[in-house]
Amino acid sequence: MTTAVDDHHRVWVLLVERDIRDGANLHLFHDETSATKAAHRYLRKAWVNGHKDMPANVYEAIEQYNQGQAYGEEHILLSPWAIESH
């Protein structure tokens, strides 16, 4: 089941963007809990100095990870996206 907010159903998106050659990974989830768990698993593997100094809050960890990618090697986005039909 998707998350319903403001009369829109939403899916949770975990997007890992890289450069044009390496592309991106897009993962869709039905709920925030599943999406944050997946983001946490990804960050544990990708964290530069080992995950011991990684914040417990996944949103803070994403923010720090994105700031640490000064040369734009990778950018992570975790958010709900509205599902619209036309």
PDB file of N, CA and C in Angstrom:
ATOM      1  N   MET A   1       0.841  -1.174   0.000  1.00  0.00           N
ATOM      2  CA  MET A   1       0.000   0.000   0.000  1.00  0.00           C
ATOM      3  C   MET A   1       0.889   1.241   0.000  1.00  0.00           C
ATOM      4  N   THR A   2       0.504   2.226  -0.763  1.00  0.00           N
ATOM      5  CA  THR A   2       1.261   3.463  -0.808  1.00  0.00           C
ATOM      6  C   THR A   2       0.824   4.400   0.302  1.00  0.00           C
ATOM      7  N   THR A   3       1.644   5.394   0.586  1.00  0.00           N
ATOM      8  CA  THR A   3       1.318   6.393   1.596  1.00  0.00           C
ATOM      9  C   THR A   3       0.333   7.394   0.992  1.00  0.00           C
ATOM     10  N   ALA A   4      -0.766   7.680   1.676  1.00  0.00           N
ATOM     11  CA  ALA A   4      -1.740   8.654   1.177  1.00  0.00           C
ATOM     12  C   ALA A   4      -1.578   9.968   1.935  1.00  0.00           C
ATOM     13  N   VAL A   5      -1.314  11.044   1.203  1.00  0.00           N
ATOM     14  CA  VAL A   5      -1.146  12.368   1.786  1.00  0.00           C
ATOM     15  C   VAL A   5      -1.787  13.372   0.838  1.00  0.00           C
ATOM     16  N   ASP A   6      -2.571  14.302   1.382  1.00  0.00           N
ATOM     17  CA  ASP A   6      -3.171  15.369   0.577  1.00  0.00           C
ATOM     18  C   ASP A   6      -3.892  14.831  -0.657  1.00  0.00           C
ATOM     19  N   ASP A   7      -4.679  13.775  -0.486  1.00  0.00           N
ATOM     20  CA  ASP A   7      -5.435  13.166  -1.587  1.00  0.00           C
ATOM     21  C   ASP A   7      -4.556  12.608  -2.699  1.00  0.00           C
ATOM     22  N   HIS A   8      -3.268  12.449  -2.462  1.00  0.00           N
ATOM     23  CA  HIS A   8      -2.371  11.825  -3.426  1.00  0.00           C
ATOM     24  C   HIS A   8      -1.754  10.591  -2.769  1.00  0.00           C
ATOM     25  N   HIS A   9      -1.638   9.561  -3.535  1.00  0.00           N
ATOM     26  CA  HIS A   9      -0.882   8.411  -3.058  1.00  0.00           C
ATOM     27  C   HIS A   9       0.575   8.667  -3.393  1.00  0.00           C
ATOM     28  N   ARG A  10       1.440   8.196  -2.540  1.00  0.00           N
ATOM     29  CA  ARG A  10       2.869   8.436  -2.723  1.00  0.00           C
ATOM     30  C   ARG A  10       3.635   7.125  -2.584  1.00  0.00           C
ATOM     31  N   VAL A  11       4.722   7.041  -3.320  1.00  0.00           N
ATOM     32  CA  VAL A  11       5.686   5.970  -3.122  1.00  0.00           C
ATOM     33  C   VAL A  11       6.933   6.616  -2.546  1.00  0.00           C
ATOM     34  N   TRP A  12       7.680   5.846  -1.805  1.00  0.00           N
ATOM     35  CA  TRP A  12       8.943   6.342  -1.273  1.00  0.00           C
ATOM     36  C   TRP A  12      10.045   5.985  -2.246  1.00  0.00           C
ATOM     37  N   VAL A  13      10.891   6.953  -2.529  1.00  0.00           N
ATOM     38  CA  VAL A  13      11.936   6.815  -3.531  1.00  0.00           C
ATOM     39  C   VAL A  13      13.305   6.914  -2.872  1.00  0.00           C
ATOM     40  N   LEU A  14      14.170   5.954  -3.200  1.00  0.00           N
ATOM     41  CA  LEU A  14      15.585   6.026  -2.847  1.00  0.00           C
ATOM     42  C   LEU A  14      16.326   6.104  -4.170  1.00  0.00           C
ATOM     43  N   LEU A  15      16.920   7.248  -4.437  1.00  0.00           N
ATOM     44  CA  LEU A  15      17.626   7.498  -5.686  1.00  0.00           C
ATOM     45  C   LEU A  15      19.098   7.719  -5.379  1.00  0.00           C
ATOM     46  N   VAL A  16      19.951   6.948  -6.025  1.00  0.00           N
ATOM     47  CA  VAL A  16      21.396   7.124  -5.900  1.00  0.00           C
ATOM     48  C   VAL A  16      21.891   7.558  -7.272  1.00  0.00           C
ATOM     49  N   GLU A  17      22.238   8.835  -7.387  1.00  0.00           N
ATOM     50  CA  GLU A  17      22.700   9.397  -8.658  1.00  0.00           C
ATOM     51  C   GLU A  17      24.218   9.371  -8.709  1.00  0.00           C
ATOM     52  N   ARG A  18      24.717   9.063  -9.891  1.00  0.00           N
ATOM     53  CA  ARG A  18      26.158   9.095 -10.131  1.00  0.00           C
ATOM     54  C   ARG A  18      26.402   9.926 -11.378  1.00  0.00           C
ATOM     55  N   ASP A  19      27.580   9.810 -11.960  1.00  0.00           N
ATOM     56  CA  ASP A  19      27.824  10.569 -13.186  1.00  0.00           C
ATOM     57  C   ASP A  19      27.120   9.896 -14.369  1.00  0.00           C
ATOM     58  N   ILE A  20      27.163  10.530 -15.519  1.00  0.00           N
ATOM     59  CA  ILE A  20      26.430  10.045 -16.690  1.00  0.00           C
ATOM     60  C   ILE A  20      26.875   8.641 -17.098  1.00  0.00           C
ATOM     61  N   ARG A  21      28.153   8.379 -17.039  1.00  0.00           N
ATOM     62  CA  ARG A  21      28.650   7.047 -17.425  1.00  0.00           C
ATOM     63  C   ARG A  21      28.137   5.951 -16.502  1.00  0.00           C
ATOM     64  N   ASP A  22      28.096   6.234 -15.214  1.00  0.00           N
ATOM     65  CA  ASP A  22      27.715   5.210 -14.235  1.00  0.00           C
ATOM     66  C   ASP A  22      26.214   5.172 -13.962  1.00  0.00           C
ATOM     67  N   GLY A  23      25.500   6.211 -14.367  1.00  0.00           N
ATOM     68  CA  GLY A  23      24.050   6.224 -14.223  1.00  0.00           C
ATOM     69  C   GLY A  23      23.566   6.395 -12.802  1.00  0.00           C
ATOM     70  N   ALA A  24      22.385   5.847 -12.537  1.00  0.00           N
ATOM     71  CA  ALA A  24      21.735   6.000 -11.240  1.00  0.00           C
ATOM     72  C   ALA A  24      20.978   4.724 -10.905  1.00  0.00           C
ATOM     73  N   ASN A  25      20.668   4.576  -9.626  1.00  0.00           N
ATOM     74  CA  ASN A  25      19.816   3.478  -9.167  1.00  0.00           C
ATOM     75  C   ASN A  25      18.577   4.103  -8.553  1.00  0.00           C
ATOM     76  N   LEU A  26      17.418   3.611  -8.931  1.00  0.00           N
ATOM     77  CA  LEU A  26      16.148   4.094  -8.406  1.00  0.00           C
ATOM     78  C   LEU A  26      15.419   2.914  -7.788  1.00  0.00           C
ATOM     79  N   HIS A  27      15.056   3.063  -6.519  1.00  0.00           N
ATOM     80  CA  HIS A  27      14.323   2.019  -5.802  1.00  0.00           C
ATOM     81  C   HIS A  27      13.029   2.634  -5.287  1.00  0.00           C
ATOM     82  N   LEU A  28      11.927   1.938  -5.471  1.00  0.00           N
ATOM     83  CA  LEU A  28      10.618   2.413  -5.025  1.00  0.00           C
ATOM     84  C   LEU A  28      10.125   1.533  -3.876  1.00  0.00           C
ATOM     85  N   PHE A  29       9.498   2.179  -2.890  1.00  0.00           N
ATOM     86  CA  PHE A  29       9.002   1.472  -1.710  1.00  0.00           C
ATOM     87  C   PHE A  29       7.583   1.927  -1.389  1.00  0.00           C
ATOM     88  N   HIS A  30       6.843   1.030  -0.754  1.00  0.00           N
ATOM     89  CA  HIS A  30       5.469   1.341  -0.369  1.00  0.00           C
ATOM     90  C   HIS A  30       5.388   2.232   0.869  1.00  0.00           C
ATOM     91  N   ASP A  31       6.415   2.186   1.699  1.00  0.00           N
ATOM     92  CA  ASP A  31       6.334   2.935   2.957  1.00  0.00           C
ATOM     93  C   ASP A  31       7.707   3.488   3.348  1.00  0.00           C
ATOM     94  N   GLU A  32       7.661   4.459   4.233  1.00  0.00           N
ATOM     95  CA  GLU A  32       8.885   5.135   4.675  1.00  0.00           C
ATOM     96  C   GLU A  32       9.827   4.182   5.409  1.00  0.00           C
ATOM     97  N   THR A  33       9.281   3.294   6.213  1.00  0.00           N
ATOM     98  CA  THR A  33      10.118   2.385   6.993  1.00  0.00           C
ATOM     99  C   THR A  33      10.995   1.522   6.087  1.00  0.00           C
ATOM    100  N   SER A  34      10.413   0.956   5.060  1.00  0.00           N
ATOM    101  CA  SER A  34      11.184   0.132   4.120  1.00  0.00           C
ATOM    102  C   SER A  34      12.243   0.953   3.398  1.00  0.00           C
ATOM    103  N   ALA A  35      11.872   2.155   3.014  1.00  0.00           N
ATOM    104  CA  ALA A  35      12.802   3.029   2.286  1.00  0.00           C
ATOM    105  C   ALA A  35      13.970   3.456   3.169  1.00  0.00           C
ATOM    106  N   THR A  36      13.696   3.808   4.411  1.00  0.00           N
ATOM    107  CA  THR A  36      14.781   4.244   5.294  1.00  0.00           C
ATOM    108  C   THR A  36      15.706   3.083   5.650  1.00  0.00           C
ATOM    109  N   LYS A  37      15.150   1.886   5.790  1.00  0.00           N
ATOM    110  CA  LYS A  37      15.998   0.716   6.049  1.00  0.00           C
ATOM    111  C   LYS A  37      16.935   0.457   4.873  1.00  0.00           C
ATOM    112  N   ALA A  38      16.412   0.566   3.657  1.00  0.00           N
ATOM    113  CA  ALA A  38      17.243   0.370   2.466  1.00  0.00           C
ATOM    114  C   ALA A  38      18.317   1.447   2.365  1.00  0.00           C
ATOM    115  N   ALA A  39      17.967   2.681   2.653  1.00  0.00           N
ATOM    116  CA  ALA A  39      18.945   3.772   2.625  1.00  0.00           C
ATOM    117  C   ALA A  39      20.033   3.536   3.663  1.00  0.00           C
ATOM    118  N   HIS A  40      19.637   3.102   4.839  1.00  0.00           N
ATOM    119  CA  HIS A  40      20.602   2.833   5.906  1.00  0.00           C
ATOM    120  C   HIS A  40      21.563   1.716   5.495  1.00  0.00           C
ATOM    121  N   ARG A  41      21.037   0.648   4.898  1.00  0.00           N
ATOM    122  CA  ARG A  41      21.900  -0.452   4.436  1.00  0.00           C
ATOM    123  C   ARG A  41      22.894   0.041   3.385  1.00  0.00           C
ATOM    124  N   TYR A  42      22.418   0.868   2.460  1.00  0.00           N
ATOM    125  CA  TYR A  42      23.302   1.381   1.416  1.00  0.00           C
ATOM    126  C   TYR A  42      24.408   2.249   2.021  1.00  0.00           C
ATOM    127  N   LEU A  43      24.016   3.141   2.929  1.00  0.00           N
ATOM    128  CA  LEU A  43      24.992   4.047   3.534  1.00  0.00           C
ATOM    129  C   LEU A  43      26.028   3.299   4.373  1.00  0.00           C
ATOM    130  N   ARG A  44      25.627   2.239   5.043  1.00  0.00           N
ATOM    131  CA  ARG A  44      26.585   1.446   5.842  1.00  0.00           C
ATOM    132  C   ARG A  44      27.703   0.921   4.961  1.00  0.00           C
ATOM    133  N   LYS A  45      27.372   0.540   3.719  1.00  0.00           N
ATOM    134  CA  LYS A  45      28.387   0.031   2.790  1.00  0.00           C
ATOM    135  C   LYS A  45      29.199   1.154   2.166  1.00  0.00           C
ATOM    136  N   ALA A  46      28.570   2.293   1.922  1.00  0.00           N
ATOM    137  CA  ALA A  46      29.206   3.372   1.165  1.00  0.00           C
ATOM    138  C   ALA A  46      29.926   4.400   2.043  1.00  0.00           C
ATOM    139  N   TRP A  47      29.690   4.370   3.348  1.00  0.00           N
ATOM    140  CA  TRP A  47      30.250   5.394   4.240  1.00  0.00           C
ATOM    141  C   TRP A  47      31.775   5.363   4.164  1.00  0.00           C
ATOM    142  N   VAL A  48      32.371   6.510   3.937  1.00  0.00           N
ATOM    143  CA  VAL A  48      33.801   6.620   3.627  1.00  0.00           C
ATOM    144  C   VAL A  48      34.711   6.056   4.708  1.00  0.00           C
ATOM    145  N   ASN A  49      34.534   6.450   5.941  1.00  0.00           N
ATOM    146  CA  ASN A  49      35.438   6.029   7.018  1.00  0.00           C
ATOM    147  C   ASN A  49      34.871   4.891   7.848  1.00  0.00           C
ATOM    148  N   GLY A  50      34.064   4.075   7.247  1.00  0.00           N
ATOM    149  CA  GLY A  50      33.384   3.032   8.010  1.00  0.00           C
ATOM    150  C   GLY A  50      32.145   3.616   8.651  1.00  0.00           C
ATOM    151  N   HIS A  51      31.181   2.816   8.893  1.00  0.00           N
ATOM    152  CA  HIS A  51      29.882   3.312   9.367  1.00  0.00           C
ATOM    153  C   HIS A  51      29.851   3.645  10.851  1.00  0.00           C
ATOM    154  N   LYS A  52      30.956   3.476  11.557  1.00  0.00           N
ATOM    155  CA  LYS A  52      30.949   3.737  13.004  1.00  0.00           C
ATOM    156  C   LYS A  52      30.636   5.188  13.351  1.00  0.00           C
ATOM    157  N   ASP A  53      31.066   6.134  12.493  1.00  0.00           N
ATOM    158  CA  ASP A  53      30.797   7.546  12.774  1.00  0.00           C
ATOM    159  C   ASP A  53      29.563   8.061  12.020  1.00  0.00           C
ATOM    160  N   MET A  54      28.784   7.159  11.438  1.00  0.00           N
ATOM    161  CA  MET A  54      27.588   7.536  10.698  1.00  0.00           C
ATOM    162  C   MET A  54      26.459   7.880  11.674  1.00  0.00           C
ATOM    163  N   PRO A  55      25.737   8.990  11.446  1.00  0.00           N
ATOM    164  CA  PRO A  55      24.609   9.324  12.322  1.00  0.00           C
ATOM    165  C   PRO A  55      23.554   8.219  12.306  1.00  0.00           C
ATOM    166  N   ALA A  56      22.890   8.007  13.424  1.00  0.00           N
ATOM    167  CA  ALA A  56      21.834   6.993  13.517  1.00  0.00           C
ATOM    168  C   ALA A  56      20.613   7.403  12.697  1.00  0.00           C
ATOM    169  N   ASN A  57      20.332   8.713  12.641  1.00  0.00           N
ATOM    170  CA  ASN A  57      19.211   9.216  11.865  1.00  0.00           C
ATOM    171  C   ASN A  57      19.578   9.167  10.382  1.00  0.00           C
ATOM    172  N   VAL A  58      18.818   8.411   9.594  1.00  0.00           N
ATOM    173  CA  VAL A  58      19.178   8.194   8.194  1.00  0.00           C
ATOM    174  C   VAL A  58      19.153   9.488   7.382  1.00  0.00           C
ATOM    175  N   TYR A  59      18.264  10.420   7.722  1.00  0.00           N
ATOM    176  CA  TYR A  59      18.195  11.690   6.984  1.00  0.00           C
ATOM    177  C   TYR A  59      19.438  12.542   7.250  1.00  0.00           C
ATOM    178  N   GLU A  60      19.906  12.536   8.503  1.00  0.00           N
ATOM    179  CA  GLU A  60      21.152  13.242   8.825  1.00  0.00           C
ATOM    180  C   GLU A  60      22.333  12.572   8.134  1.00  0.00           C
ATOM    181  N   ALA A  61      22.321  11.249   8.100  1.00  0.00           N
ATOM    182  CA  ALA A  61      23.403  10.525   7.434  1.00  0.00           C
ATOM    183  C   ALA A  61      23.432  10.845   5.937  1.00  0.00           C
ATOM    184  N   ILE A  62      22.269  10.897   5.310  1.00  0.00           N
ATOM    185  CA  ILE A  62      22.205  11.243   3.888  1.00  0.00           C
ATOM    186  C   ILE A  62      22.740  12.651   3.663  1.00  0.00           C
ATOM    187  N   GLU A  63      22.343  13.573   4.515  1.00  0.00           N
ATOM    188  CA  GLU A  63      22.810  14.962   4.385  1.00  0.00           C
ATOM    189  C   GLU A  63      24.334  15.034   4.493  1.00  0.00           C
ATOM    190  N   GLN A  64      24.897  14.368   5.486  1.00  0.00           N
ATOM    191  CA  GLN A  64      26.353  14.371   5.650  1.00  0.00           C
ATOM    192  C   GLN A  64      27.040  13.683   4.474  1.00  0.00           C
ATOM    193  N   TYR A  65      26.481  12.577   4.023  1.00  0.00           N
ATOM    194  CA  TYR A  65      27.070  11.840   2.909  1.00  0.00           C
ATOM    195  C   TYR A  65      27.087  12.707   1.651  1.00  0.00           C
ATOM    196  N   ASN A  66      25.976  13.374   1.380  1.00  0.00           N
ATOM    197  CA  ASN A  66      25.895  14.230   0.195  1.00  0.00           C
ATOM    198  C   ASN A  66      26.871  15.407   0.278  1.00  0.00           C
ATOM    199  N   GLN A  67      27.048  15.975   1.465  1.00  0.00           N
ATOM    200  CA  GLN A  67      28.004  17.075   1.636  1.00  0.00           C
ATOM    201  C   GLN A  67      29.431  16.585   1.447  1.00  0.00           C
ATOM    202  N   GLY A  68      29.698  15.354   1.841  1.00  0.00           N
ATOM    203  CA  GLY A  68      31.035  14.795   1.723  1.00  0.00           C
ATOM    204  C   GLY A  68      31.411  14.443   0.292  1.00  0.00           C
ATOM    205  N   GLN A  69      30.445  14.406  -0.574  1.00  0.00           N
ATOM    206  CA  GLN A  69      30.684  14.085  -1.980  1.00  0.00           C
ATOM    207  C   GLN A  69      30.945  15.383  -2.747  1.00  0.00           C
ATOM    208  N   ALA A  70      31.965  16.102  -2.340  1.00  0.00           N
ATOM    209  CA  ALA A  70      32.254  17.434  -2.872  1.00  0.00           C
ATOM    210  C   ALA A  70      32.443  17.452  -4.381  1.00  0.00           C
ATOM    211  N   TYR A  71      32.930  16.372  -4.943  1.00  0.00           N
ATOM    212  CA  TYR A  71      33.175  16.343  -6.376  1.00  0.00           C
ATOM    213  C   TYR A  71      32.024  15.728  -7.148  1.00  0.00           C
ATOM    214  N   GLY A  72      30.923  15.467  -6.463  1.00  0.00           N
ATOM    215  CA  GLY A  72      29.723  14.994  -7.118  1.00  0.00           C
ATOM    216  C   GLY A  72      29.753  13.559  -7.594  1.00  0.00           C
ATOM    217  N   GLU A  73      30.574  12.709  -6.976  1.00  0.00           N
ATOM    218  CA  GLU A  73      30.632  11.321  -7.407  1.00  0.00           C
ATOM    219  C   GLU A  73      29.292  10.620  -7.232  1.00  0.00           C
ATOM    220  N   GLU A  74      28.572  10.991  -6.180  1.00  0.00           N
ATOM    221  CA  GLU A  74      27.327  10.305  -5.881  1.00  0.00           C
ATOM    222  C   GLU A  74      26.444  11.227  -5.051  1.00  0.00           C
ATOM    223  N   HIS A  75      25.154  11.140  -5.254  1.00  0.00           N
ATOM    224  CA  HIS A  75      24.190  11.937  -4.492  1.00  0.00           C
ATOM    225  C   HIS A  75      23.017  11.030  -4.172  1.00  0.00           C
ATOM    226  N   ILE A  76      22.543  11.081  -2.929  1.00  0.00           N
ATOM    227  CA  ILE A  76      21.444  10.224  -2.487  1.00  0.00           C
ATOM    228  C   ILE A  76      20.230  11.083  -2.165  1.00  0.00           C
ATOM    229  N   LEU A  77      19.077  10.605  -2.607  1.00  0.00           N
ATOM    230  CA  LEU A  77      17.806  11.263  -2.323  1.00  0.00           C
ATOM    231  C   LEU A  77      16.853  10.224  -1.752  1.00  0.00           C
ATOM    232  N   LEU A  78      16.196  10.559  -0.661  1.00  0.00           N
ATOM    233  CA  LEU A  78      15.178   9.706  -0.050  1.00  0.00           C
ATOM    234  C   LEU A  78      13.975  10.591   0.224  1.00  0.00           C
ATOM    235  N   SER A  79      12.866  10.335  -0.455  1.00  0.00           N
ATOM    236  CA  SER A  79      11.686  11.172  -0.244  1.00  0.00           C
ATOM    237  C   SER A  79      10.445  10.506  -0.820  1.00  0.00           C
ATOM    238  N   PRO A  80       9.270  10.989  -0.377  1.00  0.00           N
ATOM    239  CA  PRO A  80       8.021  10.481  -0.957  1.00  0.00           C
ATOM    240  C   PRO A  80       7.725  11.232  -2.251  1.00  0.00           C
ATOM    241  N   TRP A  81       7.269  10.521  -3.253  1.00  0.00           N
ATOM    242  CA  TRP A  81       6.873  11.130  -4.526  1.00  0.00           C
ATOM    243  C   TRP A  81       5.418  10.808  -4.787  1.00  0.00           C
ATOM    244  N   ALA A  82       4.688  11.830  -5.223  1.00  0.00           N
ATOM    245  CA  ALA A  82       3.262  11.663  -5.502  1.00  0.00           C
ATOM    246  C   ALA A  82       3.050  10.818  -6.750  1.00  0.00           C
ATOM    247  N   ILE A  83       2.044   9.976  -6.695  1.00  0.00           N
ATOM    248  CA  ILE A  83       1.622   9.205  -7.864  1.00  0.00           C
ATOM    249  C   ILE A  83       0.447   9.937  -8.468  1.00  0.00           C
ATOM    250  N   GLU A  84       0.570  10.323  -9.692  1.00  0.00           N
ATOM    251  CA  GLU A  84      -0.499  11.040 -10.376  1.00  0.00           C
ATOM    252  C   GLU A  84      -0.926  10.257 -11.603  1.00  0.00           C
ATOM    253  N   SER A  85      -2.188  10.328 -11.922  1.00  0.00           N
ATOM    254  CA  SER A  85      -2.672   9.682 -13.143  1.00  0.00           C
ATOM    255  C   SER A  85      -3.398  10.740 -13.978  1.00  0.00           C
ATOM    256  N   HIS A  86      -3.269  10.588 -15.260  1.00  0.00           N
ATOM    257  CA  HIS A  86      -3.904  11.548 -16.188  1.00  0.00           C
ATOM    258  C   HIS A  86      -4.768  10.804 -17.163  1.00  0.00           C
TER     259      HIS A  86
END
